[in-house]
N, C-alpha and C. Protein backbone atom coordinates (compact mmCIF):
# COMPACT_ATOMS: atom_id res chain seq x y z
N MET A 1 136.60 36.31 105.98
CA MET A 1 135.15 36.11 106.00
C MET A 1 134.51 36.68 104.72
N THR A 2 134.90 37.89 104.37
CA THR A 2 134.35 38.53 103.17
C THR A 2 134.69 37.74 101.92
N ASP A 3 135.91 37.20 101.85
CA ASP A 3 136.31 36.39 100.68
C ASP A 3 135.44 35.15 100.56
N ASN A 4 135.15 34.49 101.69
CA ASN A 4 134.28 33.31 101.66
C ASN A 4 132.88 33.67 101.20
N LEU A 5 132.38 34.80 101.67
CA LEU A 5 131.05 35.25 101.27
C LEU A 5 131.00 35.56 99.78
N ASN A 6 132.03 36.26 99.30
CA ASN A 6 132.09 36.57 97.86
C ASN A 6 132.20 35.30 97.02
N GLN A 7 133.01 34.35 97.49
CA GLN A 7 133.15 33.09 96.77
C GLN A 7 131.82 32.33 96.75
N GLY A 8 131.12 32.30 97.88
CA GLY A 8 129.81 31.64 97.95
C GLY A 8 128.80 32.30 97.03
N THR A 9 128.79 33.61 97.00
CA THR A 9 127.89 34.35 96.12
C THR A 9 128.20 34.06 94.66
N ALA A 10 129.47 34.03 94.32
CA ALA A 10 129.88 33.73 92.94
C ALA A 10 129.48 32.31 92.54
N GLU A 11 129.63 31.36 93.47
CA GLU A 11 129.24 29.97 93.19
C GLU A 11 127.74 29.86 92.97
N ILE A 12 126.97 30.55 93.77
CA ILE A 12 125.52 30.53 93.61
C ILE A 12 125.14 31.14 92.26
N ALA A 13 125.76 32.24 91.91
CA ALA A 13 125.47 32.89 90.62
C ALA A 13 125.82 31.97 89.46
N GLU A 14 126.93 31.26 89.56
CA GLU A 14 127.32 30.34 88.48
C GLU A 14 126.37 29.16 88.39
N ARG A 15 125.94 28.63 89.53
CA ARG A 15 124.97 27.52 89.51
C ARG A 15 123.65 27.98 88.89
N ARG A 16 123.22 29.20 89.22
CA ARG A 16 121.99 29.73 88.63
C ARG A 16 122.15 29.88 87.12
N ALA A 17 123.27 30.43 86.70
CA ALA A 17 123.51 30.62 85.27
C ALA A 17 123.54 29.28 84.54
N GLU A 18 124.14 28.27 85.14
CA GLU A 18 124.18 26.94 84.53
C GLU A 18 122.78 26.35 84.44
N SER A 19 122.00 26.52 85.49
CA SER A 19 120.61 26.05 85.47
C SER A 19 119.83 26.73 84.36
N THR A 20 120.01 28.02 84.22
CA THR A 20 119.34 28.77 83.16
C THR A 20 119.75 28.24 81.79
N ARG A 21 121.03 28.01 81.59
CA ARG A 21 121.50 27.46 80.30
C ARG A 21 120.87 26.11 80.01
N GLN A 22 120.76 25.27 81.01
CA GLN A 22 120.17 23.95 80.82
C GLN A 22 118.69 24.05 80.46
N ILE A 23 117.97 24.93 81.13
CA ILE A 23 116.55 25.12 80.82
C ILE A 23 116.39 25.66 79.40
N GLN A 24 117.22 26.63 79.04
CA GLN A 24 117.16 27.18 77.68
C GLN A 24 117.43 26.10 76.64
N ALA A 25 118.42 25.26 76.89
CA ALA A 25 118.74 24.19 75.93
C ALA A 25 117.59 23.20 75.81
N ALA A 26 116.93 22.89 76.91
CA ALA A 26 115.86 21.90 76.91
C ALA A 26 114.55 22.43 76.33
N THR A 27 114.34 23.75 76.43
CA THR A 27 113.03 24.32 76.06
C THR A 27 113.06 25.21 74.83
N GLY A 28 114.23 25.71 74.46
CA GLY A 28 114.31 26.67 73.36
C GLY A 28 113.91 28.07 73.76
N LEU A 29 113.66 28.29 75.04
CA LEU A 29 113.25 29.62 75.52
C LEU A 29 114.47 30.48 75.79
N ASP A 30 114.30 31.80 75.61
CA ASP A 30 115.27 32.78 76.06
C ASP A 30 114.51 34.05 76.41
N VAL A 31 115.20 35.02 76.96
CA VAL A 31 114.53 36.23 77.43
C VAL A 31 113.86 36.98 76.28
N ALA A 32 114.49 37.04 75.13
CA ALA A 32 113.89 37.73 73.98
C ALA A 32 112.57 37.07 73.57
N MET A 33 112.53 35.75 73.58
CA MET A 33 111.29 35.05 73.24
C MET A 33 110.22 35.30 74.30
N LEU A 34 110.63 35.32 75.56
CA LEU A 34 109.67 35.61 76.63
C LEU A 34 109.09 37.01 76.46
N GLU A 35 109.92 37.96 76.07
CA GLU A 35 109.40 39.31 75.84
C GLU A 35 108.39 39.31 74.70
N ARG A 36 108.67 38.59 73.62
CA ARG A 36 107.71 38.50 72.51
C ARG A 36 106.39 37.88 72.99
N LEU A 37 106.51 36.85 73.81
CA LEU A 37 105.32 36.20 74.37
C LEU A 37 104.52 37.19 75.23
N VAL A 38 105.20 37.89 76.11
CA VAL A 38 104.53 38.85 76.99
C VAL A 38 103.85 39.94 76.17
N ARG A 39 104.52 40.46 75.16
CA ARG A 39 103.92 41.49 74.31
C ARG A 39 102.70 40.95 73.55
N ALA A 40 102.80 39.75 73.03
CA ALA A 40 101.67 39.15 72.31
C ALA A 40 100.50 38.91 73.25
N PHE A 41 100.79 38.37 74.42
CA PHE A 41 99.72 38.12 75.39
C PHE A 41 99.02 39.42 75.77
N TYR A 42 99.78 40.43 76.14
CA TYR A 42 99.16 41.69 76.56
C TYR A 42 98.46 42.39 75.41
N GLY A 43 98.96 42.22 74.20
CA GLY A 43 98.26 42.77 73.04
C GLY A 43 96.85 42.20 72.94
N ALA A 44 96.72 40.89 73.17
CA ALA A 44 95.40 40.25 73.14
C ALA A 44 94.60 40.58 74.40
N ALA A 45 95.24 40.51 75.56
CA ALA A 45 94.52 40.72 76.82
C ALA A 45 93.94 42.13 76.94
N ARG A 46 94.66 43.12 76.45
CA ARG A 46 94.16 44.50 76.53
C ARG A 46 92.91 44.70 75.69
N GLN A 47 92.74 43.89 74.66
CA GLN A 47 91.56 44.00 73.79
C GLN A 47 90.43 43.09 74.23
N ASP A 48 90.68 42.24 75.21
CA ASP A 48 89.72 41.23 75.64
C ASP A 48 88.64 41.84 76.53
N ASP A 49 87.39 41.42 76.30
CA ASP A 49 86.27 41.96 77.09
C ASP A 49 86.39 41.62 78.58
N VAL A 50 86.90 40.44 78.90
CA VAL A 50 87.01 40.03 80.30
C VAL A 50 88.25 40.65 80.96
N LEU A 51 89.38 40.57 80.30
CA LEU A 51 90.64 41.01 80.92
C LEU A 51 90.99 42.47 80.68
N GLY A 52 90.57 43.01 79.57
CA GLY A 52 90.95 44.37 79.19
C GLY A 52 90.81 45.41 80.30
N PRO A 53 89.65 45.47 80.97
CA PRO A 53 89.49 46.48 82.02
C PRO A 53 90.49 46.36 83.17
N SER A 54 91.04 45.18 83.38
CA SER A 54 92.01 44.99 84.46
C SER A 54 93.31 45.75 84.20
N PHE A 55 93.52 46.16 82.95
CA PHE A 55 94.77 46.84 82.60
C PHE A 55 94.59 48.34 82.39
N ASP A 56 93.41 48.87 82.68
CA ASP A 56 93.17 50.30 82.50
C ASP A 56 94.10 51.16 83.35
N HIS A 57 94.56 50.65 84.48
CA HIS A 57 95.42 51.41 85.39
C HIS A 57 96.88 51.47 84.94
N VAL A 58 97.27 50.65 83.98
CA VAL A 58 98.67 50.62 83.55
C VAL A 58 98.95 51.85 82.69
N SER A 59 99.87 52.69 83.16
CA SER A 59 100.17 53.92 82.40
C SER A 59 101.49 53.80 81.63
N ASP A 60 102.40 52.98 82.11
CA ASP A 60 103.70 52.83 81.46
C ASP A 60 103.84 51.37 80.99
N TRP A 61 103.42 51.14 79.76
CA TRP A 61 103.42 49.77 79.24
C TRP A 61 104.82 49.22 79.06
N ASP A 62 105.79 50.05 78.72
CA ASP A 62 107.16 49.55 78.57
C ASP A 62 107.67 49.02 79.90
N ALA A 63 107.42 49.73 80.98
CA ALA A 63 107.85 49.28 82.30
C ALA A 63 107.11 48.01 82.71
N HIS A 64 105.81 47.95 82.40
CA HIS A 64 105.02 46.77 82.74
C HIS A 64 105.53 45.55 81.98
N ILE A 65 105.78 45.71 80.69
CA ILE A 65 106.29 44.60 79.88
C ILE A 65 107.64 44.14 80.41
N ALA A 66 108.50 45.08 80.77
CA ALA A 66 109.82 44.73 81.31
C ALA A 66 109.68 43.95 82.62
N ALA A 67 108.79 44.39 83.50
CA ALA A 67 108.60 43.71 84.78
C ALA A 67 108.04 42.31 84.58
N ILE A 68 107.07 42.16 83.68
CA ILE A 68 106.46 40.84 83.47
C ILE A 68 107.43 39.92 82.73
N THR A 69 108.23 40.47 81.85
CA THR A 69 109.26 39.66 81.20
C THR A 69 110.27 39.17 82.24
N ALA A 70 110.66 40.04 83.16
CA ALA A 70 111.57 39.63 84.24
C ALA A 70 110.93 38.54 85.10
N PHE A 71 109.61 38.69 85.36
CA PHE A 71 108.90 37.66 86.13
C PHE A 71 109.00 36.31 85.42
N TRP A 72 108.66 36.27 84.13
CA TRP A 72 108.68 35.00 83.40
C TRP A 72 110.10 34.49 83.21
N SER A 73 111.07 35.37 83.11
CA SER A 73 112.46 34.94 83.05
C SER A 73 112.85 34.23 84.34
N SER A 74 112.42 34.77 85.46
CA SER A 74 112.69 34.12 86.75
C SER A 74 111.91 32.82 86.90
N ALA A 75 110.63 32.86 86.54
CA ALA A 75 109.78 31.69 86.73
C ALA A 75 110.15 30.54 85.80
N ALA A 76 110.46 30.85 84.55
CA ALA A 76 110.69 29.80 83.56
C ALA A 76 112.16 29.45 83.39
N LEU A 77 113.03 30.45 83.49
CA LEU A 77 114.45 30.22 83.21
C LEU A 77 115.32 30.25 84.47
N ALA A 78 114.72 30.50 85.62
CA ALA A 78 115.45 30.54 86.89
C ALA A 78 116.55 31.60 86.90
N THR A 79 116.29 32.75 86.25
CA THR A 79 117.31 33.79 86.17
C THR A 79 117.42 34.62 87.46
N GLY A 80 116.37 34.66 88.24
CA GLY A 80 116.40 35.47 89.46
C GLY A 80 116.28 36.96 89.20
N SER A 81 115.79 37.33 88.03
CA SER A 81 115.74 38.75 87.66
C SER A 81 114.50 39.48 88.17
N TYR A 82 113.57 38.78 88.78
CA TYR A 82 112.34 39.42 89.29
C TYR A 82 112.33 39.34 90.81
N SER A 83 111.95 40.43 91.43
CA SER A 83 111.88 40.43 92.89
C SER A 83 110.60 41.08 93.41
N GLY A 84 109.56 41.08 92.60
CA GLY A 84 108.31 41.71 93.00
C GLY A 84 107.43 40.79 93.84
N ARG A 85 106.21 41.24 94.08
CA ARG A 85 105.23 40.51 94.87
C ARG A 85 103.96 40.34 94.03
N PRO A 86 103.88 39.26 93.25
CA PRO A 86 102.76 39.10 92.32
C PRO A 86 101.38 39.13 92.98
N LEU A 87 101.21 38.47 94.11
CA LEU A 87 99.89 38.46 94.74
C LEU A 87 99.49 39.88 95.15
N ALA A 88 100.38 40.59 95.79
CA ALA A 88 100.07 41.96 96.21
C ALA A 88 99.72 42.84 95.02
N ALA A 89 100.38 42.62 93.88
CA ALA A 89 100.10 43.41 92.68
C ALA A 89 98.72 43.10 92.11
N HIS A 90 98.24 41.87 92.30
CA HIS A 90 96.96 41.46 91.71
C HIS A 90 95.76 41.66 92.63
N LEU A 91 95.97 41.77 93.93
CA LEU A 91 94.85 41.90 94.86
C LEU A 91 93.94 43.10 94.57
N PRO A 92 94.46 44.27 94.24
CA PRO A 92 93.56 45.41 93.99
C PRO A 92 92.67 45.24 92.75
N LEU A 93 92.95 44.25 91.92
CA LEU A 93 92.20 44.09 90.67
C LEU A 93 90.89 43.34 90.84
N ASP A 94 90.64 42.77 92.02
CA ASP A 94 89.40 42.04 92.31
C ASP A 94 89.13 40.96 91.26
N LEU A 95 90.14 40.15 91.01
CA LEU A 95 90.04 39.10 90.00
C LEU A 95 89.24 37.92 90.52
N LYS A 96 88.42 37.37 89.64
CA LYS A 96 87.55 36.23 89.95
C LYS A 96 87.97 35.04 89.09
N PRO A 97 87.42 33.86 89.34
CA PRO A 97 87.80 32.67 88.56
C PRO A 97 87.71 32.87 87.05
N ARG A 98 86.73 33.62 86.57
CA ARG A 98 86.60 33.82 85.12
C ARG A 98 87.80 34.58 84.54
N HIS A 99 88.37 35.49 85.34
CA HIS A 99 89.55 36.22 84.89
C HIS A 99 90.75 35.27 84.74
N PHE A 100 90.92 34.40 85.72
CA PHE A 100 92.04 33.47 85.67
C PHE A 100 91.89 32.48 84.51
N ALA A 101 90.67 32.01 84.31
CA ALA A 101 90.43 31.08 83.20
C ALA A 101 90.73 31.74 81.85
N ARG A 102 90.31 32.98 81.70
CA ARG A 102 90.55 33.69 80.45
C ARG A 102 92.04 33.99 80.28
N TRP A 103 92.70 34.39 81.37
CA TRP A 103 94.13 34.64 81.33
C TRP A 103 94.86 33.40 80.85
N LEU A 104 94.51 32.24 81.42
CA LEU A 104 95.17 31.00 81.02
C LEU A 104 94.91 30.68 79.55
N ASP A 105 93.70 30.90 79.09
CA ASP A 105 93.36 30.64 77.69
C ASP A 105 94.21 31.50 76.75
N LEU A 106 94.25 32.79 76.99
CA LEU A 106 95.03 33.69 76.13
C LEU A 106 96.53 33.42 76.25
N PHE A 107 96.99 33.12 77.46
CA PHE A 107 98.41 32.86 77.65
C PHE A 107 98.81 31.58 76.92
N GLU A 108 98.00 30.55 77.04
CA GLU A 108 98.31 29.29 76.36
C GLU A 108 98.37 29.48 74.85
N ARG A 109 97.42 30.22 74.30
CA ARG A 109 97.43 30.48 72.86
C ARG A 109 98.72 31.20 72.44
N ALA A 110 99.08 32.23 73.19
CA ALA A 110 100.30 32.99 72.86
C ALA A 110 101.53 32.11 72.99
N ALA A 111 101.60 31.31 74.05
CA ALA A 111 102.76 30.44 74.25
C ALA A 111 102.89 29.44 73.10
N ARG A 112 101.79 28.84 72.71
CA ARG A 112 101.84 27.85 71.62
C ARG A 112 102.16 28.51 70.28
N ASP A 113 101.74 29.75 70.09
CA ASP A 113 102.03 30.46 68.83
C ASP A 113 103.49 30.88 68.73
N ILE A 114 104.12 31.24 69.84
CA ILE A 114 105.43 31.88 69.81
C ILE A 114 106.57 30.94 70.19
N CYS A 115 106.33 30.02 71.07
CA CYS A 115 107.42 29.23 71.65
C CYS A 115 107.50 27.83 71.05
N PRO A 116 108.69 27.23 71.09
CA PRO A 116 108.80 25.82 70.72
C PRO A 116 107.92 24.98 71.66
N ALA A 117 107.55 23.80 71.22
CA ALA A 117 106.62 22.96 71.99
C ALA A 117 107.08 22.75 73.44
N ALA A 118 108.35 22.40 73.64
CA ALA A 118 108.83 22.15 75.00
C ALA A 118 108.76 23.41 75.85
N GLY A 119 109.09 24.54 75.27
CA GLY A 119 109.01 25.81 75.99
C GLY A 119 107.58 26.18 76.33
N ALA A 120 106.68 25.99 75.35
CA ALA A 120 105.27 26.29 75.58
C ALA A 120 104.72 25.43 76.71
N GLU A 121 105.06 24.15 76.71
CA GLU A 121 104.56 23.25 77.76
C GLU A 121 105.06 23.68 79.14
N LEU A 122 106.33 24.04 79.24
CA LEU A 122 106.87 24.51 80.51
C LEU A 122 106.13 25.76 80.98
N LEU A 123 105.96 26.72 80.09
CA LEU A 123 105.30 27.97 80.45
C LEU A 123 103.84 27.75 80.83
N ILE A 124 103.14 26.91 80.10
CA ILE A 124 101.73 26.64 80.38
C ILE A 124 101.58 25.96 81.74
N GLU A 125 102.46 24.99 82.02
CA GLU A 125 102.41 24.33 83.33
C GLU A 125 102.64 25.33 84.45
N LYS A 126 103.64 26.19 84.29
CA LYS A 126 103.92 27.20 85.32
C LYS A 126 102.77 28.20 85.42
N ALA A 127 102.20 28.59 84.28
CA ALA A 127 101.08 29.53 84.30
C ALA A 127 99.88 28.95 85.04
N GLN A 128 99.63 27.67 84.86
CA GLN A 128 98.51 27.04 85.55
C GLN A 128 98.72 27.06 87.06
N ARG A 129 99.95 26.75 87.49
CA ARG A 129 100.24 26.78 88.92
C ARG A 129 100.19 28.19 89.49
N ILE A 130 100.71 29.14 88.73
CA ILE A 130 100.70 30.54 89.17
C ILE A 130 99.26 31.05 89.26
N ALA A 131 98.46 30.75 88.24
CA ALA A 131 97.05 31.20 88.25
C ALA A 131 96.30 30.62 89.43
N LYS A 132 96.50 29.33 89.71
CA LYS A 132 95.82 28.70 90.85
C LYS A 132 96.26 29.36 92.14
N SER A 133 97.54 29.62 92.28
CA SER A 133 98.05 30.25 93.48
C SER A 133 97.48 31.66 93.66
N LEU A 134 97.47 32.43 92.58
CA LEU A 134 96.91 33.79 92.67
C LEU A 134 95.41 33.75 92.94
N GLU A 135 94.71 32.80 92.30
CA GLU A 135 93.27 32.68 92.51
C GLU A 135 92.97 32.33 93.97
N ILE A 136 93.71 31.41 94.54
CA ILE A 136 93.52 31.05 95.95
C ILE A 136 93.86 32.23 96.85
N GLY A 137 94.95 32.90 96.56
CA GLY A 137 95.34 34.06 97.36
C GLY A 137 94.31 35.17 97.31
N ALA A 138 93.78 35.45 96.11
CA ALA A 138 92.75 36.49 95.97
C ALA A 138 91.47 36.10 96.70
N ALA A 139 91.08 34.84 96.57
CA ALA A 139 89.87 34.37 97.26
C ALA A 139 90.06 34.45 98.78
N ALA A 140 91.21 34.01 99.25
CA ALA A 140 91.48 34.07 100.69
C ALA A 140 91.45 35.51 101.19
N HIS A 141 91.97 36.43 100.38
CA HIS A 141 91.96 37.84 100.73
C HIS A 141 90.53 38.36 100.89
N ARG A 142 89.61 37.81 100.08
CA ARG A 142 88.20 38.18 100.17
C ARG A 142 87.47 37.39 101.26
N GLY A 143 88.18 36.46 101.90
CA GLY A 143 87.56 35.63 102.93
C GLY A 143 86.80 34.45 102.36
N GLU A 144 87.15 34.02 101.17
CA GLU A 144 86.46 32.92 100.49
C GLU A 144 87.45 31.79 100.20
N LEU A 145 86.91 30.62 99.93
CA LEU A 145 87.67 29.55 99.32
C LEU A 145 87.21 29.47 97.88
N PRO A 146 88.14 29.43 96.92
CA PRO A 146 87.73 29.41 95.51
C PRO A 146 86.99 28.13 95.15
N GLY A 147 85.88 28.26 94.44
CA GLY A 147 85.15 27.13 93.89
C GLY A 147 84.70 26.11 94.89
N GLY A 148 84.44 26.51 96.14
CA GLY A 148 84.01 25.55 97.15
C GLY A 148 85.07 24.50 97.41
N ALA A 149 86.31 24.85 97.28
CA ALA A 149 87.41 23.90 97.33
C ALA A 149 87.54 23.26 98.70
N GLY A 150 87.84 22.00 98.67
CA GLY A 150 88.24 21.27 99.87
C GLY A 150 89.73 21.00 99.75
N ARG A 151 90.30 20.40 100.79
CA ARG A 151 91.75 20.14 100.78
C ARG A 151 92.20 19.32 99.59
N ASP A 152 91.41 18.33 99.20
CA ASP A 152 91.84 17.43 98.13
C ASP A 152 92.01 18.12 96.80
N GLN A 153 91.33 19.21 96.57
CA GLN A 153 91.45 19.91 95.28
C GLN A 153 92.85 20.46 95.06
N PHE A 154 93.57 20.72 96.13
CA PHE A 154 94.87 21.38 96.00
C PHE A 154 96.05 20.43 96.13
N ARG A 155 95.82 19.14 96.11
CA ARG A 155 96.92 18.16 96.20
C ARG A 155 97.46 17.84 94.86
């Protein structure tokens, strides 16, 4: 039984690694580039009038950068290196639609500046979906629907 479990785990790990290699080949992205992107984004976001105050609570920037790089590695490259809870981490920040819009603007600029076109497009698409999901989750937590949304807005 244990041998079958170990073999299954090894097969899953190899399939994940192959998927990651395929994404890297198609997009030009790798973990080092994602770290550069994360550092560039946070460099701009920390100085931003809208987003900057949201990061006042971060005391260990190296740990934060590592965690967010792991998040993007998992989200974009399917590495499985992140196991956190993004919504729970963002709820205490009381983020509103303007925060998400600004986040997307700065993130898109950084992605286009640092990444190859295919990689930037993948990251921007994922960022848009992640931002919408976090925005809906934050609004629901406050007992609101974002932007007067009806069902059709989310299809």
